């Protein structure tokens, strides 16, 4: 009888290990999140020039891409060629938010890797990123012409992410 009781924790541990292994090999976490909320009502100071930009609604009359990045972020460097690709495919519709970084570091980052952005804004204290719902740079948001966040891609863009962003940009206006 006592041996049977001792087997319960071992069986539970084995069951937990099997479930954990399955979750690791079949992640359910969506890399692309359909979002139905508004972009933060915040005016971000421009990287270059005077004035500020808000993404609620974004500049222009079309959906835009907003990418939060930093010069100190290795995944930001890795995703940068895909942002350059998006900037060429969607001229004037890709915006950058320099997150918790300095102007000098941002300028160096963009001079070395190229500037895919129509415009860049600063978020030196990170509060704007928090308002977006940022969990860590890089993250990319697609914002409709009326300021609704249509897509939120956490982490660096890959080929599937570029495709998803492009599909969201092509979507008819709400």
C-alpha atoms as a PDB file:
ATOM      1  CA  UNK A   1       0.000   0.000   0.000  1.00  0.00           C
ATOM      2  CA  UNK A   2       2.788   2.454   0.884  1.00  0.00           C
ATOM      3  CA  UNK A   3       4.653   1.741  -2.369  1.00  0.00           C
ATOM      4  CA  UNK A   4       1.563   2.673  -4.342  1.00  0.00           C
ATOM      5  CA  UNK A   5       1.332   6.039  -2.564  1.00  0.00           C
ATOM      6  CA  UNK A   6       4.994   6.733  -3.311  1.00  0.00           C
ATOM      7  CA  UNK A   7       4.311   6.220  -7.026  1.00  0.00           C
ATOM      8  CA  UNK A   8       1.787   9.114  -7.172  1.00  0.00           C
ATOM      9  CA  UNK A   9       4.381  11.933  -7.008  1.00  0.00           C
ATOM     10  CA  UNK A  10       6.598  10.111  -9.507  1.00  0.00           C
ATOM     11  CA  UNK A  11       3.668   9.658 -11.901  1.00  0.00           C
ATOM     12  CA  UNK A  12       2.731  13.322 -11.490  1.00  0.00           C
ATOM     13  CA  UNK A  13       6.321  14.355 -12.226  1.00  0.00           C
ATOM     14  CA  UNK A  14       6.409  12.188 -15.351  1.00  0.00           C
ATOM     15  CA  UNK A  15       3.071  13.619 -16.511  1.00  0.00           C
ATOM     16  CA  UNK A  16       4.334  17.152 -15.927  1.00  0.00           C
ATOM     17  CA  UNK A  17       7.537  16.415 -17.881  1.00  0.00           C
ATOM     18  CA  UNK A  18       5.551  15.009 -20.810  1.00  0.00           C
ATOM     19  CA  UNK A  19       3.244  18.047 -20.878  1.00  0.00           C
ATOM     20  CA  UNK A  20       6.167  20.456 -20.592  1.00  0.00           C
ATOM     21  CA  UNK A  21       8.005  18.672 -23.394  1.00  0.00           C
ATOM     22  CA  UNK A  22       4.932  18.858 -25.595  1.00  0.00           C
ATOM     23  CA  UNK A  23       4.487  22.579 -24.905  1.00  0.00           C
ATOM     24  CA  UNK A  24       8.124  23.279 -25.718  1.00  0.00           C
ATOM     25  CA  UNK A  25       7.931  21.388 -29.003  1.00  0.00           C
ATOM     26  CA  UNK A  26       4.467  22.771 -29.912  1.00  0.00           C
ATOM     27  CA  UNK A  27       4.300  26.322 -28.559  1.00  0.00           C
ATOM     28  CA  UNK A  28       0.814  27.743 -28.486  1.00  0.00           C
ATOM     29  CA  UNK A  29       1.983  31.305 -27.835  1.00  0.00           C
ATOM     30  CA  UNK A  30       1.080  33.329 -30.853  1.00  0.00           C
ATOM     31  CA  UNK A  31       4.042  35.180 -32.244  1.00  0.00           C
ATOM     32  CA  UNK A  32       1.552  37.406 -34.020  1.00  0.00           C
ATOM     33  CA  UNK A  33      -1.194  38.758 -31.855  1.00  0.00           C
ATOM     34  CA  UNK A  34      -4.396  40.130 -33.293  1.00  0.00           C
ATOM     35  CA  UNK A  35      -4.988  43.182 -31.225  1.00  0.00           C
ATOM     36  CA  UNK A  36      -8.085  45.285 -30.934  1.00  0.00           C
ATOM     37  CA  UNK A  37      -7.074  48.346 -28.974  1.00  0.00           C
ATOM     38  CA  UNK A  38      -6.017  51.847 -29.753  1.00  0.00           C
ATOM     39  CA  UNK A  39      -2.459  53.066 -30.089  1.00  0.00           C
ATOM     40  CA  UNK A  40      -1.277  55.139 -27.129  1.00  0.00           C
ATOM     41  CA  UNK A  41      -2.434  58.723 -27.083  1.00  0.00           C
ATOM     42  CA  UNK A  42       1.055  60.123 -26.657  1.00  0.00           C
ATOM     43  CA  UNK A  43       3.077  62.635 -28.602  1.00  0.00           C
ATOM     44  CA  UNK A  44       6.624  61.377 -29.175  1.00  0.00           C
ATOM     45  CA  UNK A  45       9.396  63.898 -29.813  1.00  0.00           C
ATOM     46  CA  UNK A  46      10.936  63.542 -33.256  1.00  0.00           C
ATOM     47  CA  UNK A  47      14.445  62.090 -33.618  1.00  0.00           C
ATOM     48  CA  UNK A  48      15.401  64.763 -36.129  1.00  0.00           C
ATOM     49  CA  UNK A  49      13.745  68.120 -36.523  1.00  0.00           C
ATOM     50  CA  UNK A  50      11.170  69.847 -34.413  1.00  0.00           C
ATOM     51  CA  UNK A  51       7.787  68.707 -33.302  1.00  0.00           C
ATOM     52  CA  UNK A  52       6.196  65.503 -32.201  1.00  0.00           C
ATOM     53  CA  UNK A  53       4.348  62.570 -33.750  1.00  0.00           C
ATOM     54  CA  UNK A  54       1.369  60.670 -32.404  1.00  0.00           C
ATOM     55  CA  UNK A  55       0.226  57.284 -33.631  1.00  0.00           C
ATOM     56  CA  UNK A  56      -3.353  57.690 -32.399  1.00  0.00           C
ATOM     57  CA  UNK A  57      -4.094  58.250 -35.270  1.00  0.00           C
ATOM     58  CA  UNK A  58      -0.821  57.908 -37.160  1.00  0.00           C
ATOM     59  CA  UNK A  59       0.519  60.397 -39.695  1.00  0.00           C
ATOM     60  CA  UNK A  60      -1.083  60.180 -43.132  1.00  0.00           C
ATOM     61  CA  UNK A  61      -4.283  58.508 -44.169  1.00  0.00           C
ATOM     62  CA  UNK A  62      -3.079  54.889 -44.249  1.00  0.00           C
ATOM     63  CA  UNK A  63      -2.052  52.132 -41.871  1.00  0.00           C
ATOM     64  CA  UNK A  64       1.555  52.354 -40.685  1.00  0.00           C
ATOM     65  CA  UNK A  65       4.199  50.122 -39.140  1.00  0.00           C
ATOM     66  CA  UNK A  66       5.725  51.228 -35.837  1.00  0.00           C
ATOM     67  CA  UNK A  67       8.909  49.423 -34.831  1.00  0.00           C
ATOM     68  CA  UNK A  68      10.379  49.884 -31.359  1.00  0.00           C
ATOM     69  CA  UNK A  69      14.150  49.382 -31.438  1.00  0.00           C
ATOM     70  CA  UNK A  70      17.379  50.269 -29.643  1.00  0.00           C
ATOM     71  CA  UNK A  71      21.034  50.422 -30.615  1.00  0.00           C
ATOM     72  CA  UNK A  72      21.984  48.187 -27.662  1.00  0.00           C
ATOM     73  CA  UNK A  73      19.552  45.450 -28.775  1.00  0.00           C
ATOM     74  CA  UNK A  74      21.167  42.505 -30.636  1.00  0.00           C
ATOM     75  CA  UNK A  75      17.827  41.168 -31.982  1.00  0.00           C
ATOM     76  CA  UNK A  76      17.180  44.669 -33.382  1.00  0.00           C
ATOM     77  CA  UNK A  77      20.353  44.342 -35.449  1.00  0.00           C
ATOM     78  CA  UNK A  78      19.247  40.891 -36.638  1.00  0.00           C
ATOM     79  CA  UNK A  79      15.809  42.090 -37.776  1.00  0.00           C
ATOM     80  CA  UNK A  80      17.050  45.301 -39.396  1.00  0.00           C
ATOM     81  CA  UNK A  81      17.423  43.900 -42.956  1.00  0.00           C
ATOM     82  CA  UNK A  82      13.744  42.931 -42.844  1.00  0.00           C
ATOM     83  CA  UNK A  83      12.809  46.456 -41.783  1.00  0.00           C
ATOM     84  CA  UNK A  84      14.814  47.804 -44.708  1.00  0.00           C
ATOM     85  CA  UNK A  85      12.808  45.432 -46.926  1.00  0.00           C
ATOM     86  CA  UNK A  86       9.538  46.703 -45.425  1.00  0.00           C
ATOM     87  CA  UNK A  87      10.649  50.319 -45.841  1.00  0.00           C
ATOM     88  CA  UNK A  88      11.291  49.718 -49.560  1.00  0.00           C
ATOM     89  CA  UNK A  89       8.015  47.840 -50.038  1.00  0.00           C
ATOM     90  CA  UNK A  90       5.972  50.398 -48.079  1.00  0.00           C
ATOM     91  CA  UNK A  91       7.707  53.777 -48.508  1.00  0.00           C
ATOM     92  CA  UNK A  92       6.627  56.419 -46.030  1.00  0.00           C
ATOM     93  CA  UNK A  93       4.718  53.921 -43.867  1.00  0.00           C
ATOM     94  CA  UNK A  94       7.416  52.485 -41.565  1.00  0.00           C
ATOM     95  CA  UNK A  95       8.148  54.472 -38.396  1.00  0.00           C
ATOM     96  CA  UNK A  96      10.721  53.857 -35.697  1.00  0.00           C
ATOM     97  CA  UNK A  97      10.637  54.469 -31.960  1.00  0.00           C
ATOM     98  CA  UNK A  98      14.130  54.660 -30.441  1.00  0.00           C
ATOM     99  CA  UNK A  99      13.490  53.026 -27.076  1.00  0.00           C
ATOM    100  CA  UNK A 100      15.551  53.893 -23.963  1.00  0.00           C
ATOM    101  CA  UNK A 101      18.478  55.054 -26.046  1.00  0.00           C
ATOM    102  CA  UNK A 102      20.367  58.218 -26.910  1.00  0.00           C
ATOM    103  CA  UNK A 103      20.251  60.263 -30.071  1.00  0.00           C
ATOM    104  CA  UNK A 104      23.978  59.682 -30.698  1.00  0.00           C
ATOM    105  CA  UNK A 105      23.670  55.897 -30.363  1.00  0.00           C
ATOM    106  CA  UNK A 106      20.581  55.873 -32.589  1.00  0.00           C
ATOM    107  CA  UNK A 107      22.371  57.906 -35.263  1.00  0.00           C
ATOM    108  CA  UNK A 108      25.349  55.524 -35.213  1.00  0.00           C
ATOM    109  CA  UNK A 109      23.063  52.455 -35.396  1.00  0.00           C
ATOM    110  CA  UNK A 110      21.187  53.846 -38.417  1.00  0.00           C
ATOM    111  CA  UNK A 111      24.317  55.110 -40.192  1.00  0.00           C
ATOM    112  CA  UNK A 112      25.835  51.616 -39.984  1.00  0.00           C
ATOM    113  CA  UNK A 113      22.719  49.603 -40.892  1.00  0.00           C
ATOM    114  CA  UNK A 114      20.669  52.026 -42.972  1.00  0.00           C
ATOM    115  CA  UNK A 115      17.527  53.946 -42.137  1.00  0.00           C
ATOM    116  CA  UNK A 116      14.305  52.208 -43.237  1.00  0.00           C
ATOM    117  CA  UNK A 117      12.052  54.639 -41.370  1.00  0.00           C
ATOM    118  CA  UNK A 118       9.911  57.455 -42.776  1.00  0.00           C
ATOM    119  CA  UNK A 119      10.382  59.170 -39.423  1.00  0.00           C
ATOM    120  CA  UNK A 120      11.759  58.270 -36.010  1.00  0.00           C
ATOM    121  CA  UNK A 121      10.664  59.350 -32.567  1.00  0.00           C
ATOM    122  CA  UNK A 122      12.375  59.156 -29.191  1.00  0.00           C
ATOM    123  CA  UNK A 123      11.252  57.251 -26.102  1.00  0.00           C
ATOM    124  CA  UNK A 124      14.164  57.920 -23.716  1.00  0.00           C
ATOM    125  CA  UNK A 125      12.401  56.874 -20.504  1.00  0.00           C
ATOM    126  CA  UNK A 126      10.531  53.911 -22.004  1.00  0.00           C
ATOM    127  CA  UNK A 127       7.087  55.118 -20.963  1.00  0.00           C
ATOM    128  CA  UNK A 128       5.857  55.237 -24.567  1.00  0.00           C
ATOM    129  CA  UNK A 129       6.873  51.622 -25.059  1.00  0.00           C
ATOM    130  CA  UNK A 130       4.952  50.659 -21.943  1.00  0.00           C
ATOM    131  CA  UNK A 131       1.938  52.542 -23.277  1.00  0.00           C
ATOM    132  CA  UNK A 132       2.150  50.444 -26.450  1.00  0.00           C
ATOM    133  CA  UNK A 133       2.287  47.240 -24.391  1.00  0.00           C
ATOM    134  CA  UNK A 134       5.941  46.553 -25.137  1.00  0.00           C
ATOM    135  CA  UNK A 135       7.387  43.456 -23.497  1.00  0.00           C
ATOM    136  CA  UNK A 136      10.907  43.949 -24.861  1.00  0.00           C
ATOM    137  CA  UNK A 137      12.600  45.342 -27.946  1.00  0.00           C
ATOM    138  CA  UNK A 138      12.280  44.773 -30.774  1.00  0.00           C
ATOM    139  CA  UNK A 139       8.534  44.803 -31.245  1.00  0.00           C
ATOM    140  CA  UNK A 140       6.500  45.847 -34.243  1.00  0.00           C
ATOM    141  CA  UNK A 141       2.971  47.194 -34.386  1.00  0.00           C
ATOM    142  CA  UNK A 142       0.703  47.806 -37.363  1.00  0.00           C
ATOM    143  CA  UNK A 143      -1.622  50.708 -36.683  1.00  0.00           C
ATOM    144  CA  UNK A 144      -4.679  51.470 -38.802  1.00  0.00           C
ATOM    145  CA  UNK A 145      -5.402  54.932 -40.163  1.00  0.00           C
ATOM    146  CA  UNK A 146      -7.794  55.527 -37.262  1.00  0.00           C
ATOM    147  CA  UNK A 147      -5.211  54.551 -34.618  1.00  0.00           C
ATOM    148  CA  UNK A 148      -6.262  50.958 -33.890  1.00  0.00           C
ATOM    149  CA  UNK A 149      -3.453  48.449 -33.318  1.00  0.00           C
ATOM    150  CA  UNK A 150      -4.099  45.711 -35.886  1.00  0.00           C
ATOM    151  CA  UNK A 151      -1.007  43.563 -35.325  1.00  0.00           C
ATOM    152  CA  UNK A 152       1.573  43.247 -32.568  1.00  0.00           C
ATOM    153  CA  UNK A 153       4.634  41.185 -33.335  1.00  0.00           C
ATOM    154  CA  UNK A 154       6.759  40.533 -30.270  1.00  0.00           C
ATOM    155  CA  UNK A 155      10.410  39.894 -30.949  1.00  0.00           C
ATOM    156  CA  UNK A 156      12.460  40.299 -34.093  1.00  0.00           C
ATOM    157  CA  UNK A 157      10.748  40.163 -37.469  1.00  0.00           C
ATOM    158  CA  UNK A 158      11.331  37.067 -39.539  1.00  0.00           C
ATOM    159  CA  UNK A 159      10.030  36.273 -43.037  1.00  0.00           C
ATOM    160  CA  UNK A 160       6.631  35.278 -41.664  1.00  0.00           C
ATOM    161  CA  UNK A 161       6.487  38.528 -39.675  1.00  0.00           C
ATOM    162  CA  UNK A 162       7.227  40.616 -42.764  1.00  0.00           C
ATOM    163  CA  UNK A 163       4.437  38.786 -44.583  1.00  0.00           C
ATOM    164  CA  UNK A 164       2.018  39.348 -41.711  1.00  0.00           C
ATOM    165  CA  UNK A 165       2.858  43.053 -41.531  1.00  0.00           C
ATOM    166  CA  UNK A 166       2.390  43.419 -45.286  1.00  0.00           C
ATOM    167  CA  UNK A 167      -0.983  41.656 -45.123  1.00  0.00           C
ATOM    168  CA  UNK A 168      -2.118  43.992 -42.347  1.00  0.00           C
ATOM    169  CA  UNK A 169      -0.999  47.032 -44.357  1.00  0.00           C
ATOM    170  CA  UNK A 170      -3.000  45.788 -47.374  1.00  0.00           C
ATOM    171  CA  UNK A 171      -6.160  45.243 -45.320  1.00  0.00           C
ATOM    172  CA  UNK A 172      -9.065  47.523 -46.190  1.00  0.00           C
ATOM    173  CA  UNK A 173      -9.638  50.469 -43.909  1.00  0.00           C
ATOM    174  CA  UNK A 174     -11.959  49.902 -40.979  1.00  0.00           C
END
